[in-house]
Amino acid sequence: MANLNIQQTLTNIEKEFLKDDLPILRIGDNVKLGIKIIEGNKERTQFYEGTIIAKKNTSINTTITVRKTLQGIGVERIFLIHSPKVESIDVLRSSKVRRSKLYYLRSLKGKASRLKQAF
């Protein structure tokens, strides 16, 4: 009985921090994320643009893994989408994929790593 009350209070607290203005994010989408960065006493927004290759859904702990290629080197970052540091999420392009995780993109280079655009 005590566990049930604890669980309810946790979900009530989490509801306050959930963002409700998020776009629908799918695997294979090209996204542009605005991330708050604090440098000294200044705060600015840095944009990170890439393809969503993985997504984990667990209410407030929902994460997306975004991959981009910089000068021939693949860079992946995992973002908590309900985090206050994530300022904006824009879906630039959607792709047609048949997998829930696109880890195979790690081994592809150049034009081979392109995904077909969804219409």
PDB file of N, CA and C in Angstrom:
ATOM      1  N   MET A   1       0.820  -1.193   0.000  1.00  0.00           N
ATOM      2  CA  MET A   1       0.000   0.000   0.000  1.00  0.00           C
ATOM      3  C   MET A   1       0.867   1.261   0.000  1.00  0.00           C
ATOM      4  N   ALA A   2       1.960   1.224   0.743  1.00  0.00           N
ATOM      5  CA  ALA A   2       2.845   2.388   0.815  1.00  0.00           C
ATOM      6  C   ALA A   2       3.537   2.626  -0.530  1.00  0.00           C
ATOM      7  N   ASN A   3       3.882   1.521  -1.231  1.00  0.00           N
ATOM      8  CA  ASN A   3       4.524   1.663  -2.535  1.00  0.00           C
ATOM      9  C   ASN A   3       3.610   2.350  -3.542  1.00  0.00           C
ATOM     10  N   LEU A   4       2.322   2.082  -3.449  1.00  0.00           N
ATOM     11  CA  LEU A   4       1.354   2.687  -4.364  1.00  0.00           C
ATOM     12  C   LEU A   4       1.289   4.201  -4.162  1.00  0.00           C
ATOM     13  N   ASN A   5       1.304   4.639  -2.894  1.00  0.00           N
ATOM     14  CA  ASN A   5       1.273   6.071  -2.593  1.00  0.00           C
ATOM     15  C   ASN A   5       2.541   6.759  -3.065  1.00  0.00           C
ATOM     16  N   ILE A   6       3.670   6.106  -2.892  1.00  0.00           N
ATOM     17  CA  ILE A   6       4.943   6.668  -3.340  1.00  0.00           C
ATOM     18  C   ILE A   6       4.947   6.802  -4.853  1.00  0.00           C
ATOM     19  N   GLN A   7       4.455   5.788  -5.542  1.00  0.00           N
ATOM     20  CA  GLN A   7       4.402   5.802  -6.998  1.00  0.00           C
ATOM     21  C   GLN A   7       3.508   6.929  -7.511  1.00  0.00           C
ATOM     22  N   GLN A   8       2.359   7.122  -6.844  1.00  0.00           N
ATOM     23  CA  GLN A   8       1.453   8.191  -7.253  1.00  0.00           C
ATOM     24  C   GLN A   8       2.065   9.567  -7.047  1.00  0.00           C
ATOM     25  N   THR A   9       2.748   9.757  -5.937  1.00  0.00           N
ATOM     26  CA  THR A   9       3.372  11.061  -5.693  1.00  0.00           C
ATOM     27  C   THR A   9       4.493  11.325  -6.697  1.00  0.00           C
ATOM     28  N   LEU A  10       5.241  10.281  -7.052  1.00  0.00           N
ATOM     29  CA  LEU A  10       6.294  10.452  -8.055  1.00  0.00           C
ATOM     30  C   LEU A  10       5.719  10.847  -9.411  1.00  0.00           C
ATOM     31  N   THR A  11       4.652  10.201  -9.834  1.00  0.00           N
ATOM     32  CA  THR A  11       4.046  10.546 -11.122  1.00  0.00           C
ATOM     33  C   THR A  11       3.459  11.953 -11.093  1.00  0.00           C
ATOM     34  N   ASN A  12       2.910  12.379  -9.965  1.00  0.00           N
ATOM     35  CA  ASN A  12       2.388  13.746  -9.849  1.00  0.00           C
ATOM     36  C   ASN A  12       3.506  14.778  -9.950  1.00  0.00           C
ATOM     37  N   ILE A  13       4.632  14.494  -9.332  1.00  0.00           N
ATOM     38  CA  ILE A  13       5.779  15.410  -9.406  1.00  0.00           C
ATOM     39  C   ILE A  13       6.324  15.450 -10.833  1.00  0.00           C
ATOM     40  N   GLU A  14       6.405  14.302 -11.496  1.00  0.00           N
ATOM     41  CA  GLU A  14       6.927  14.241 -12.861  1.00  0.00           C
ATOM     42  C   GLU A  14       6.039  14.992 -13.843  1.00  0.00           C
ATOM     43  N   LYS A  15       4.737  14.992 -13.629  1.00  0.00           N
ATOM     44  CA  LYS A  15       3.802  15.665 -14.538  1.00  0.00           C
ATOM     45  C   LYS A  15       4.105  17.151 -14.661  1.00  0.00           C
ATOM     46  N   GLU A  16       4.587  17.765 -13.580  1.00  0.00           N
ATOM     47  CA  GLU A  16       4.900  19.192 -13.605  1.00  0.00           C
ATOM     48  C   GLU A  16       6.033  19.510 -14.570  1.00  0.00           C
ATOM     49  N   PHE A  17       6.956  18.584 -14.742  1.00  0.00           N
ATOM     50  CA  PHE A  17       8.153  18.845 -15.539  1.00  0.00           C
ATOM     51  C   PHE A  17       8.064  18.340 -16.976  1.00  0.00           C
ATOM     52  N   LEU A  18       6.991  17.629 -17.325  1.00  0.00           N
ATOM     53  CA  LEU A  18       6.834  17.145 -18.689  1.00  0.00           C
ATOM     54  C   LEU A  18       6.523  18.299 -19.625  1.00  0.00           C
ATOM     55  N   LYS A  19       7.188  18.331 -20.776  1.00  0.00           N
ATOM     56  CA  LYS A  19       6.902  19.346 -21.790  1.00  0.00           C
ATOM     57  C   LYS A  19       5.728  18.871 -22.623  1.00  0.00           C
ATOM     58  N   ASP A  20       4.826  19.788 -22.928  1.00  0.00           N
ATOM     59  CA  ASP A  20       3.652  19.408 -23.703  1.00  0.00           C
ATOM     60  C   ASP A  20       3.674  19.974 -25.121  1.00  0.00           C
ATOM     61  N   ASP A  21       4.686  20.757 -25.458  1.00  0.00           N
ATOM     62  CA  ASP A  21       4.751  21.382 -26.776  1.00  0.00           C
ATOM     63  C   ASP A  21       5.776  20.701 -27.693  1.00  0.00           C
ATOM     64  N   LEU A  22       6.048  19.421 -27.449  1.00  0.00           N
ATOM     65  CA  LEU A  22       7.044  18.708 -28.251  1.00  0.00           C
ATOM     66  C   LEU A  22       6.438  18.215 -29.565  1.00  0.00           C
ATOM     67  N   PRO A  23       7.219  18.245 -30.640  1.00  0.00           N
ATOM     68  CA  PRO A  23       6.728  17.664 -31.892  1.00  0.00           C
ATOM     69  C   PRO A  23       6.777  16.142 -31.818  1.00  0.00           C
ATOM     70  N   ILE A  24       6.135  15.486 -32.770  1.00  0.00           N
ATOM     71  CA  ILE A  24       6.187  14.024 -32.828  1.00  0.00           C
ATOM     72  C   ILE A  24       7.549  13.636 -33.393  1.00  0.00           C
ATOM     73  N   LEU A  25       8.319  12.900 -32.610  1.00  0.00           N
ATOM     74  CA  LEU A  25       9.669  12.499 -33.007  1.00  0.00           C
ATOM     75  C   LEU A  25       9.667  11.034 -33.394  1.00  0.00           C
ATOM     76  N   ARG A  26      10.208  10.741 -34.573  1.00  0.00           N
ATOM     77  CA  ARG A  26      10.294   9.364 -35.056  1.00  0.00           C
ATOM     78  C   ARG A  26      11.740   9.032 -35.384  1.00  0.00           C
ATOM     79  N   ILE A  27      12.014   7.753 -35.422  1.00  0.00           N
ATOM     80  CA  ILE A  27      13.341   7.298 -35.811  1.00  0.00           C
ATOM     81  C   ILE A  27      13.566   7.679 -37.272  1.00  0.00           C
ATOM     82  N   GLY A  28      14.742   8.197 -37.587  1.00  0.00           N
ATOM     83  CA  GLY A  28      15.059   8.588 -38.957  1.00  0.00           C
ATOM     84  C   GLY A  28      14.792  10.050 -39.250  1.00  0.00           C
ATOM     85  N   ASP A  29      14.184  10.778 -38.311  1.00  0.00           N
ATOM     86  CA  ASP A  29      13.935  12.200 -38.523  1.00  0.00           C
ATOM     87  C   ASP A  29      15.235  12.991 -38.428  1.00  0.00           C
ATOM     88  N   ASN A  30      15.346  14.002 -39.275  1.00  0.00           N
ATOM     89  CA  ASN A  30      16.438  14.951 -39.163  1.00  0.00           C
ATOM     90  C   ASN A  30      15.943  16.069 -38.258  1.00  0.00           C
ATOM     91  N   VAL A  31      16.607  16.311 -37.150  1.00  0.00           N
ATOM     92  CA  VAL A  31      16.143  17.292 -36.180  1.00  0.00           C
ATOM     93  C   VAL A  31      17.213  18.348 -35.924  1.00  0.00           C
ATOM     94  N   LYS A  32      16.744  19.505 -35.474  1.00  0.00           N
ATOM     95  CA  LYS A  32      17.631  20.581 -35.053  1.00  0.00           C
ATOM     96  C   LYS A  32      17.256  20.911 -33.617  1.00  0.00           C
ATOM     97  N   LEU A  33      18.170  20.644 -32.693  1.00  0.00           N
ATOM     98  CA  LEU A  33      17.928  20.845 -31.268  1.00  0.00           C
ATOM     99  C   LEU A  33      18.632  22.115 -30.807  1.00  0.00           C
ATOM    100  N   GLY A  34      17.936  22.945 -30.066  1.00  0.00           N
ATOM    101  CA  GLY A  34      18.542  24.115 -29.442  1.00  0.00           C
ATOM    102  C   GLY A  34      18.872  23.780 -28.009  1.00  0.00           C
ATOM    103  N   ILE A  35      20.161  23.795 -27.670  1.00  0.00           N
ATOM    104  CA  ILE A  35      20.626  23.405 -26.341  1.00  0.00           C
ATOM    105  C   ILE A  35      21.153  24.644 -25.616  1.00  0.00           C
ATOM    106  N   LYS A  36      20.705  24.859 -24.368  1.00  0.00           N
ATOM    107  CA  LYS A  36      21.212  25.974 -23.566  1.00  0.00           C
ATOM    108  C   LYS A  36      22.615  25.649 -23.093  1.00  0.00           C
ATOM    109  N   ILE A  37      23.528  26.589 -23.304  1.00  0.00           N
ATOM    110  CA  ILE A  37      24.908  26.417 -22.864  1.00  0.00           C
ATOM    111  C   ILE A  37      25.271  27.607 -21.988  1.00  0.00           C
ATOM    112  N   ILE A  38      25.855  27.333 -20.835  1.00  0.00           N
ATOM    113  CA  ILE A  38      26.270  28.392 -19.925  1.00  0.00           C
ATOM    114  C   ILE A  38      27.783  28.477 -19.966  1.00  0.00           C
ATOM    115  N   GLU A  39      28.283  29.659 -20.351  1.00  0.00           N
ATOM    116  CA  GLU A  39      29.725  29.905 -20.400  1.00  0.00           C
ATOM    117  C   GLU A  39      30.020  31.059 -19.449  1.00  0.00           C
ATOM    118  N   GLY A  40      30.613  30.745 -18.328  1.00  0.00           N
ATOM    119  CA  GLY A  40      30.856  31.770 -17.321  1.00  0.00           C
ATOM    120  C   GLY A  40      29.538  32.253 -16.770  1.00  0.00           C
ATOM    121  N   ASN A  41      29.235  33.545 -16.974  1.00  0.00           N
ATOM    122  CA  ASN A  41      27.949  34.075 -16.522  1.00  0.00           C
ATOM    123  C   ASN A  41      27.018  34.366 -17.693  1.00  0.00           C
ATOM    124  N   LYS A  42      27.410  33.955 -18.890  1.00  0.00           N
ATOM    125  CA  LYS A  42      26.572  34.147 -20.075  1.00  0.00           C
ATOM    126  C   LYS A  42      25.847  32.860 -20.436  1.00  0.00           C
ATOM    127  N   GLU A  43      24.662  33.004 -20.999  1.00  0.00           N
ATOM    128  CA  GLU A  43      23.883  31.848 -21.434  1.00  0.00           C
ATOM    129  C   GLU A  43      23.528  32.035 -22.901  1.00  0.00           C
ATOM    130  N   ARG A  44      23.740  31.005 -23.693  1.00  0.00           N
ATOM    131  CA  ARG A  44      23.426  31.084 -25.118  1.00  0.00           C
ATOM    132  C   ARG A  44      22.835  29.768 -25.581  1.00  0.00           C
ATOM    133  N   THR A  45      22.304  29.769 -26.814  1.00  0.00           N
ATOM    134  CA  THR A  45      21.728  28.565 -27.393  1.00  0.00           C
ATOM    135  C   THR A  45      22.645  28.048 -28.487  1.00  0.00           C
ATOM    136  N   GLN A  46      23.003  26.787 -28.389  1.00  0.00           N
ATOM    137  CA  GLN A  46      23.812  26.140 -29.420  1.00  0.00           C
ATOM    138  C   GLN A  46      22.950  25.090 -30.101  1.00  0.00           C
ATOM    139  N   PHE A  47      22.970  25.085 -31.430  1.00  0.00           N
ATOM    140  CA  PHE A  47      22.138  24.155 -32.175  1.00  0.00           C
ATOM    141  C   PHE A  47      22.919  22.903 -32.536  1.00  0.00           C
ATOM    142  N   TYR A  48      22.237  21.774 -32.464  1.00  0.00           N
ATOM    143  CA  TYR A  48      22.808  20.477 -32.792  1.00  0.00           C
ATOM    144  C   TYR A  48      21.860  19.830 -33.792  1.00  0.00           C
ATOM    145  N   GLU A  49      22.363  19.548 -34.990  1.00  0.00           N
ATOM    146  CA  GLU A  49      21.517  19.027 -36.059  1.00  0.00           C
ATOM    147  C   GLU A  49      22.000  17.642 -36.462  1.00  0.00           C
ATOM    148  N   GLY A  50      21.077  16.691 -36.541  1.00  0.00           N
ATOM    149  CA  GLY A  50      21.439  15.332 -36.916  1.00  0.00           C
ATOM    150  C   GLY A  50      20.213  14.444 -37.067  1.00  0.00           C
ATOM    151  N   THR A  51      20.477  13.154 -37.218  1.00  0.00           N
ATOM    152  CA  THR A  51      19.432  12.158 -37.432  1.00  0.00           C
ATOM    153  C   THR A  51      19.165  11.386 -36.150  1.00  0.00           C
ATOM    154  N   ILE A  52      17.899  11.177 -35.840  1.00  0.00           N
ATOM    155  CA  ILE A  52      17.542  10.371 -34.668  1.00  0.00           C
ATOM    156  C   ILE A  52      17.766   8.907 -35.030  1.00  0.00           C
ATOM    157  N   ILE A  53      18.668   8.235 -34.309  1.00  0.00           N
ATOM    158  CA  ILE A  53      18.934   6.823 -34.595  1.00  0.00           C
ATOM    159  C   ILE A  53      18.352   5.899 -33.530  1.00  0.00           C
ATOM    160  N   ALA A  54      17.944   6.456 -32.381  1.00  0.00           N
ATOM    161  CA  ALA A  54      17.354   5.626 -31.325  1.00  0.00           C
ATOM    162  C   ALA A  54      16.471   6.502 -30.448  1.00  0.00           C
ATOM    163  N   LYS A  55      15.475   5.871 -29.840  1.00  0.00           N
ATOM    164  CA  LYS A  55      14.566   6.567 -28.945  1.00  0.00           C
ATOM    165  C   LYS A  55      14.147   5.617 -27.836  1.00  0.00           C
ATOM    166  N   LYS A  56      14.149   6.114 -26.605  1.00  0.00           N
ATOM    167  CA  LYS A  56      13.684   5.339 -25.462  1.00  0.00           C
ATOM    168  C   LYS A  56      12.572   6.121 -24.790  1.00  0.00           C
ATOM    169  N   ASN A  57      11.409   5.503 -24.636  1.00  0.00           N
ATOM    170  CA  ASN A  57      10.249   6.162 -24.057  1.00  0.00           C
ATOM    171  C   ASN A  57       9.997   5.674 -22.640  1.00  0.00           C
ATOM    172  N   THR A  58      10.241   6.526 -21.663  1.00  0.00           N
ATOM    173  CA  THR A  58       9.870   6.233 -20.282  1.00  0.00           C
ATOM    174  C   THR A  58       9.470   7.542 -19.608  1.00  0.00           C
ATOM    175  N   SER A  59       8.314   8.041 -19.948  1.00  0.00           N
ATOM    176  CA  SER A  59       7.711   9.274 -19.447  1.00  0.00           C
ATOM    177  C   SER A  59       8.718  10.429 -19.389  1.00  0.00           C
ATOM    178  N   ILE A  60       9.141  10.834 -18.208  1.00  0.00           N
ATOM    179  CA  ILE A  60      10.021  11.995 -18.095  1.00  0.00           C
ATOM    180  C   ILE A  60      11.452  11.678 -18.519  1.00  0.00           C
ATOM    181  N   ASN A  61      11.821  10.409 -18.533  1.00  0.00           N
ATOM    182  CA  ASN A  61      13.173  10.011 -18.909  1.00  0.00           C
ATOM    183  C   ASN A  61      13.296   9.665 -20.385  1.00  0.00           C
ATOM    184  N   THR A  62      12.411  10.167 -21.226  1.00  0.00           N
ATOM    185  CA  THR A  62      12.455   9.889 -22.656  1.00  0.00           C
ATOM    186  C   THR A  62      13.722  10.493 -23.258  1.00  0.00           C
ATOM    187  N   THR A  63      14.484   9.652 -23.954  1.00  0.00           N
ATOM    188  CA  THR A  63      15.728  10.109 -24.565  1.00  0.00           C
ATOM    189  C   THR A  63      15.732   9.819 -26.051  1.00  0.00           C
ATOM    190  N   ILE A  64      16.475  10.643 -26.789  1.00  0.00           N
ATOM    191  CA  ILE A  64      16.730  10.377 -28.199  1.00  0.00           C
ATOM    192  C   ILE A  64      18.233  10.427 -28.416  1.00  0.00           C
ATOM    193  N   THR A  65      18.709   9.555 -29.288  1.00  0.00           N
ATOM    194  CA  THR A  65      20.114   9.557 -29.672  1.00  0.00           C
ATOM    195  C   THR A  65      20.196  10.182 -31.048  1.00  0.00           C
ATOM    196  N   VAL A  66      20.965  11.259 -31.155  1.00  0.00           N
ATOM    197  CA  VAL A  66      21.082  12.008 -32.404  1.00  0.00           C
ATOM    198  C   VAL A  66      22.503  11.855 -32.925  1.00  0.00           C
ATOM    199  N   ARG A  67      22.610  11.521 -34.216  1.00  0.00           N
ATOM    200  CA  ARG A  67      23.912  11.292 -34.841  1.00  0.00           C
ATOM    201  C   ARG A  67      24.113  12.288 -35.969  1.00  0.00           C
ATOM    202  N   LYS A  68      25.303  12.871 -36.006  1.00  0.00           N
ATOM    203  CA  LYS A  68      25.684  13.724 -37.123  1.00  0.00           C
ATOM    204  C   LYS A  68      27.127  13.418 -37.490  1.00  0.00           C
ATOM    205  N   THR A  69      27.510  13.800 -38.697  1.00  0.00           N
ATOM    206  CA  THR A  69      28.876  13.561 -39.163  1.00  0.00           C
ATOM    207  C   THR A  69      29.582  14.899 -39.302  1.00  0.00           C
ATOM    208  N   LEU A  70      30.711  15.046 -38.625  1.00  0.00           N
ATOM    209  CA  LEU A  70      31.510  16.256 -38.680  1.00  0.00           C
ATOM    210  C   LEU A  70      32.879  15.915 -39.250  1.00  0.00           C
ATOM    211  N   GLN A  71      33.194  16.437 -40.425  1.00  0.00           N
ATOM    212  CA  GLN A  71      34.488  16.243 -41.066  1.00  0.00           C
ATOM    213  C   GLN A  71      34.856  14.770 -41.158  1.00  0.00           C
ATOM    214  N   GLY A  72      33.856  13.951 -41.511  1.00  0.00           N
ATOM    215  CA  GLY A  72      34.095  12.525 -41.701  1.00  0.00           C
ATOM    216  C   GLY A  72      34.067  11.695 -40.434  1.00  0.00           C
ATOM    217  N   ILE A  73      33.806  12.322 -39.306  1.00  0.00           N
ATOM    218  CA  ILE A  73      33.767  11.606 -38.032  1.00  0.00           C
ATOM    219  C   ILE A  73      32.341  11.655 -37.498  1.00  0.00           C
ATOM    220  N   GLY A  74      31.783  10.495 -37.147  1.00  0.00           N
ATOM    221  CA  GLY A  74      30.433  10.431 -36.604  1.00  0.00           C
ATOM    222  C   GLY A  74      30.407  10.830 -35.151  1.00  0.00           C
ATOM    223  N   VAL A  75      29.443  11.692 -34.796  1.00  0.00           N
ATOM    224  CA  VAL A  75      29.289  12.159 -33.424  1.00  0.00           C
ATOM    225  C   VAL A  75      27.860  11.855 -32.986  1.00  0.00           C
ATOM    226  N   GLU A  76      27.708  11.198 -31.840  1.00  0.00           N
ATOM    227  CA  GLU A  76      26.390  10.875 -31.308  1.00  0.00           C
ATOM    228  C   GLU A  76      26.233  11.495 -29.935  1.00  0.00           C
ATOM    229  N   ARG A  77      25.050  12.032 -29.692  1.00  0.00           N
ATOM    230  CA  ARG A  77      24.731  12.560 -28.369  1.00  0.00           C
ATOM    231  C   ARG A  77      23.354  12.064 -27.969  1.00  0.00           C
ATOM    232  N   ILE A  78      23.186  11.828 -26.683  1.00  0.00           N
ATOM    233  CA  ILE A  78      21.906  11.395 -26.135  1.00  0.00           C
ATOM    234  C   ILE A  78      21.303  12.592 -25.398  1.00  0.00           C
ATOM    235  N   PHE A  79      20.049  12.914 -25.731  1.00  0.00           N
ATOM    236  CA  PHE A  79      19.371  14.055 -25.139  1.00  0.00           C
ATOM    237  C   PHE A  79      18.132  13.603 -24.383  1.00  0.00           C
ATOM    238  N   LEU A  80      17.954  14.130 -23.179  1.00  0.00           N
ATOM    239  CA  LEU A  80      16.696  13.998 -22.446  1.00  0.00           C
ATOM    240  C   LEU A  80      15.773  15.066 -23.009  1.00  0.00           C
ATOM    241  N   ILE A  81      14.691  14.671 -23.672  1.00  0.00           N
ATOM    242  CA  ILE A  81      13.890  15.680 -24.370  1.00  0.00           C
ATOM    243  C   ILE A  81      13.062  16.537 -23.422  1.00  0.00           C
ATOM    244  N   HIS A  82      12.829  16.091 -22.188  1.00  0.00           N
ATOM    245  CA  HIS A  82      12.079  16.889 -21.222  1.00  0.00           C
ATOM    246  C   HIS A  82      12.996  17.726 -20.333  1.00  0.00           C
ATOM    247  N   SER A  83      14.292  17.721 -20.627  1.00  0.00           N
ATOM    248  CA  SER A  83      15.257  18.478 -19.846  1.00  0.00           C
ATOM    249  C   SER A  83      15.077  19.977 -20.064  1.00  0.00           C
ATOM    250  N   PRO A  84      15.283  20.788 -19.028  1.00  0.00           N
ATOM    251  CA  PRO A  84      15.205  22.238 -19.214  1.00  0.00           C
ATOM    252  C   PRO A  84      16.340  22.781 -20.093  1.00  0.00           C
ATOM    253  N   LYS A  85      17.402  22.018 -20.278  1.00  0.00           N
ATOM    254  CA  LYS A  85      18.503  22.454 -21.145  1.00  0.00           C
ATOM    255  C   LYS A  85      18.149  22.362 -22.620  1.00  0.00           C
ATOM    256  N   VAL A  86      17.177  21.516 -22.966  1.00  0.00           N
ATOM    257  CA  VAL A  86      16.728  21.421 -24.359  1.00  0.00           C
ATOM    258  C   VAL A  86      15.678  22.502 -24.563  1.00  0.00           C
ATOM    259  N   GLU A  87      16.064  23.524 -25.320  1.00  0.00           N
ATOM    260  CA  GLU A  87      15.208  24.691 -25.493  1.00  0.00           C
ATOM    261  C   GLU A  87      14.188  24.497 -26.612  1.00  0.00           C
ATOM    262  N   SER A  88      14.648  23.934 -27.734  1.00  0.00           N
ATOM    263  CA  SER A  88      13.742  23.770 -28.871  1.00  0.00           C
ATOM    264  C   SER A  88      14.094  22.507 -29.640  1.00  0.00           C
ATOM    265  N   ILE A  89      13.082  21.910 -30.264  1.00  0.00           N
ATOM    266  CA  ILE A  89      13.275  20.756 -31.132  1.00  0.00           C
ATOM    267  C   ILE A  89      12.483  21.023 -32.407  1.00  0.00           C
ATOM    268  N   ASP A  90      13.185  21.059 -33.535  1.00  0.00           N
ATOM    269  CA  ASP A  90      12.549  21.254 -34.831  1.00  0.00           C
ATOM    270  C   ASP A  90      12.798  20.037 -35.701  1.00  0.00           C
ATOM    271  N   VAL A  91      11.742  19.480 -36.274  1.00  0.00           N
ATOM    272  CA  VAL A  91      11.889  18.360 -37.204  1.00  0.00           C
ATOM    273  C   VAL A  91      12.076  18.963 -38.596  1.00  0.00           C
ATOM    274  N   LEU A  92      13.242  18.742 -39.189  1.00  0.00           N
ATOM    275  CA  LEU A  92      13.545  19.312 -40.500  1.00  0.00           C
ATOM    276  C   LEU A  92      13.066  18.422 -41.630  1.00  0.00           C
ATOM    277  N   ARG A  93      13.255  17.108 -41.462  1.00  0.00           N
ATOM    278  CA  ARG A  93      12.908  16.169 -42.530  1.00  0.00           C
ATOM    279  C   ARG A  93      12.628  14.809 -41.906  1.00  0.00           C
ATOM    280  N   SER A  94      11.658  14.098 -42.456  1.00  0.00           N
ATOM    281  CA  SER A  94      11.362  12.746 -42.000  1.00  0.00           C
ATOM    282  C   SER A  94      11.826  11.752 -43.046  1.00  0.00           C
ATOM    283  N   SER A  95      12.288  10.605 -42.603  1.00  0.00           N
ATOM    284  CA  SER A  95      12.774   9.570 -43.505  1.00  0.00           C
ATOM    285  C   SER A  95      11.980   8.297 -43.325  1.00  0.00           C
ATOM    286  N   LYS A  96      11.939   7.516 -44.383  1.00  0.00           N
ATOM    287  CA  LYS A  96      11.236   6.233 -44.351  1.00  0.00           C
ATOM    288  C   LYS A  96      12.218   5.169 -43.871  1.00  0.00           C
ATOM    289  N   VAL A  97      11.944   4.605 -42.701  1.00  0.00           N
ATOM    290  CA  VAL A  97      12.813   3.571 -42.139  1.00  0.00           C
ATOM    291  C   VAL A  97      11.965   2.390 -41.705  1.00  0.00           C
ATOM    292  N   ARG A  98      12.603   1.230 -41.640  1.00  0.00           N
ATOM    293  CA  ARG A  98      11.888   0.010 -41.240  1.00  0.00           C
ATOM    294  C   ARG A  98      12.525  -0.636 -40.020  1.00  0.00           C
ATOM    295  N   ARG A  99      13.256   0.147 -39.272  1.00  0.00           N
ATOM    296  CA  ARG A  99      13.927  -0.337 -38.066  1.00  0.00           C
ATOM    297  C   ARG A  99      13.597   0.599 -36.906  1.00  0.00           C
ATOM    298  N   SER A 100      13.660   0.075 -35.694  1.00  0.00           N
ATOM    299  CA  SER A 100      13.431   0.920 -34.530  1.00  0.00           C
ATOM    300  C   SER A 100      14.733   1.522 -34.017  1.00  0.00           C
ATOM    301  N   LYS A 101      15.851   0.947 -34.378  1.00  0.00           N
ATOM    302  CA  LYS A 101      17.163   1.488 -34.031  1.00  0.00           C
ATOM    303  C   LYS A 101      18.015   1.489 -35.297  1.00  0.00           C
ATOM    304  N   LEU A 102      18.642   2.602 -35.593  1.00  0.00           N
ATOM    305  CA  LEU A 102      19.427   2.735 -36.824  1.00  0.00           C
ATOM    306  C   LEU A 102      20.927   2.674 -36.542  1.00  0.00           C
ATOM    307  N   TYR A 103      21.332   1.714 -35.733  1.00  0.00           N
ATOM    308  CA  TYR A 103      22.737   1.603 -35.372  1.00  0.00           C
ATOM    309  C   TYR A 103      23.613   1.212 -36.558  1.00  0.00           C
ATOM    310  N   TYR A 104      23.007   0.664 -37.618  1.00  0.00           N
ATOM    311  CA  TYR A 104      23.786   0.277 -38.782  1.00  0.00           C
ATOM    312  C   TYR A 104      24.373   1.498 -39.498  1.00  0.00           C
ATOM    313  N   LEU A 105      23.863   2.691 -39.234  1.00  0.00           N
ATOM    314  CA  LEU A 105      24.404   3.906 -39.850  1.00  0.00           C
ATOM    315  C   LEU A 105      25.824   4.194 -39.362  1.00  0.00           C
ATOM    316  N   ARG A 106      26.205   3.619 -38.232  1.00  0.00           N
ATOM    317  CA  ARG A 106      27.548   3.835 -37.696  1.00  0.00           C
ATOM    318  C   ARG A 106      28.629   3.299 -38.619  1.00  0.00           C
ATOM    319  N   SER A 107      28.302   2.235 -39.351  1.00  0.00           N
ATOM    320  CA  SER A 107      29.320   1.621 -40.209  1.00  0.00           C
ATOM    321  C   SER A 107      29.281   2.154 -41.639  1.00  0.00           C
ATOM    322  N   LEU A 108      28.331   3.039 -41.965  1.00  0.00           N
ATOM    323  CA  LEU A 108      28.210   3.572 -43.316  1.00  0.00           C
ATOM    324  C   LEU A 108      28.851   4.953 -43.411  1.00  0.00           C
ATOM    325  N   LYS A 109      29.358   5.277 -44.599  1.00  0.00           N
ATOM    326  CA  LYS A 109      30.011   6.569 -44.812  1.00  0.00           C
ATOM    327  C   LYS A 109      29.472   7.216 -46.075  1.00  0.00           C
ATOM    328  N   GLY A 110      29.520   8.523 -46.102  1.00  0.00           N
ATOM    329  CA  GLY A 110      29.181   9.273 -47.307  1.00  0.00           C
ATOM    330  C   GLY A 110      27.748   9.102 -47.751  1.00  0.00           C
ATOM    331  N   LYS A 111      27.576   8.906 -49.065  1.00  0.00           N
ATOM    332  CA  LYS A 111      26.237   8.802 -49.634  1.00  0.00           C
ATOM    333  C   LYS A 111      25.503   7.543 -49.179  1.00  0.00           C
ATOM    334  N   ALA A 112      26.222   6.532 -48.773  1.00  0.00           N
ATOM    335  CA  ALA A 112      25.591   5.285 -48.323  1.00  0.00           C
ATOM    336  C   ALA A 112      24.776   5.491 -47.045  1.00  0.00           C
ATOM    337  N   SER A 113      25.112   6.520 -46.281  1.00  0.00           N
ATOM    338  CA  SER A 113      24.420   6.743 -45.017  1.00  0.00           C
ATOM    339  C   SER A 113      23.159   7.595 -45.160  1.00  0.00           C
ATOM    340  N   ARG A 114      22.780   7.924 -46.394  1.00  0.00           N
ATOM    341  CA  ARG A 114      21.558   8.695 -46.611  1.00  0.00           C
ATOM    342  C   ARG A 114      20.327   7.800 -46.423  1.00  0.00           C
ATOM    343  N   LEU A 115      19.251   8.410 -45.977  1.00  0.00           N
ATOM    344  CA  LEU A 115      17.978   7.703 -45.801  1.00  0.00           C
ATOM    345  C   LEU A 115      16.973   8.241 -46.802  1.00  0.00           C
ATOM    346  N   LYS A 116      16.056   7.384 -47.231  1.00  0.00           N
ATOM    347  CA  LYS A 116      15.013   7.820 -48.165  1.00  0.00           C
ATOM    348  C   LYS A 116      14.037   8.735 -47.457  1.00  0.00           C
ATOM    349  N   GLN A 117      13.683   9.815 -48.127  1.00  0.00           N
ATOM    350  CA  GLN A 117      12.784  10.792 -47.551  1.00  0.00           C
ATOM    351  C   GLN A 117      11.345  10.288 -47.591  1.00  0.00           C
ATOM    352  N   ALA A 118      10.617  10.497 -46.504  1.00  0.00           N
ATOM    353  CA  ALA A 118       9.204  10.109 -46.432  1.00  0.00           C
ATOM    354  C   ALA A 118       8.373  11.242 -47.018  1.00  0.00           C
ATOM    355  N   PHE A 119       7.303  10.886 -47.694  1.00  0.00           N
ATOM    356  CA  PHE A 119       6.452  11.912 -48.306  1.00  0.00           C
ATOM    357  C   PHE A 119       5.157  12.061 -47.585  1.00  0.00           C
TER     358      PHE A 119
END
